[in-house]
Amino acid sequence: MLDLLMLILASVGALAFGILAAYAILRAGFALMRAPQLRQPLVKPQPQVVRLS
């Protein structure tokens, strides 16, 4: 019975570790993709005058 419990707990632990590792890898990847955008200065759009004739 103890062997079965250890097997179940090891399976749940491995699943949790895999999910957390994948989450960390994806967070790092998206942070690296977003980094160049933060270096560019923010440009506010200039209002344009529309002339109606």
Protein backbone atom coordinates (compact mmCIF):
# COMPACT_ATOMS: atom_id res chain seq x y z
CA MET A 1 0.00 0.00 0.00
CA LEU A 2 2.87 2.36 0.80
CA ASP A 3 4.39 1.70 -2.63
CA LEU A 4 1.17 2.70 -4.36
CA LEU A 5 0.94 5.90 -2.32
CA MET A 6 4.54 6.81 -3.13
CA LEU A 7 3.93 6.12 -6.83
CA ILE A 8 0.86 8.36 -6.87
CA LEU A 9 2.63 11.17 -5.00
CA ALA A 10 5.66 10.94 -7.27
CA SER A 11 3.39 11.15 -10.34
CA VAL A 12 1.58 14.21 -9.00
CA GLY A 13 4.90 15.85 -8.06
CA ALA A 14 6.37 15.21 -11.51
CA LEU A 15 3.25 16.62 -13.15
CA ALA A 16 3.36 19.75 -11.00
CA PHE A 17 7.08 20.21 -11.67
CA GLY A 18 6.53 19.86 -15.43
CA ILE A 19 3.72 22.40 -15.47
CA LEU A 20 5.70 24.92 -13.42
CA ALA A 21 8.81 24.42 -15.56
CA ALA A 22 6.83 24.97 -18.77
CA TYR A 23 5.23 28.09 -17.27
CA ALA A 24 8.66 29.49 -16.33
CA ILE A 25 10.07 28.78 -19.81
CA LEU A 26 7.12 30.48 -21.50
CA ARG A 27 7.32 33.51 -19.17
CA ALA A 28 11.02 33.90 -19.96
CA GLY A 29 10.41 33.53 -23.69
CA PHE A 30 7.66 36.13 -23.77
CA ALA A 31 9.74 38.50 -21.63
CA LEU A 32 12.59 38.21 -24.13
CA MET A 33 10.23 38.91 -27.03
CA ARG A 34 8.75 41.94 -25.25
CA ALA A 35 12.10 43.47 -24.20
CA PRO A 36 12.98 45.26 -27.50
CA GLN A 37 9.62 47.05 -27.50
CA LEU A 38 10.32 48.57 -24.09
CA ARG A 39 13.57 50.16 -25.29
CA GLN A 40 11.84 52.23 -27.97
CA PRO A 41 10.58 55.63 -26.83
CA LEU A 42 6.85 55.98 -26.66
CA VAL A 43 5.59 58.26 -29.42
CA LYS A 44 2.30 60.01 -28.89
CA PRO A 45 0.22 60.46 -32.05
CA GLN A 46 -0.05 64.05 -33.21
CA PRO A 47 -3.55 65.41 -33.84
CA GLN A 48 -4.30 66.22 -37.45
CA VAL A 49 -6.52 68.96 -38.75
CA VAL A 50 -9.23 67.83 -41.12
CA ARG A 51 -10.49 70.50 -43.52
CA LEU A 52 -13.95 70.09 -44.88
CA SER A 53 -14.84 71.89 -48.10
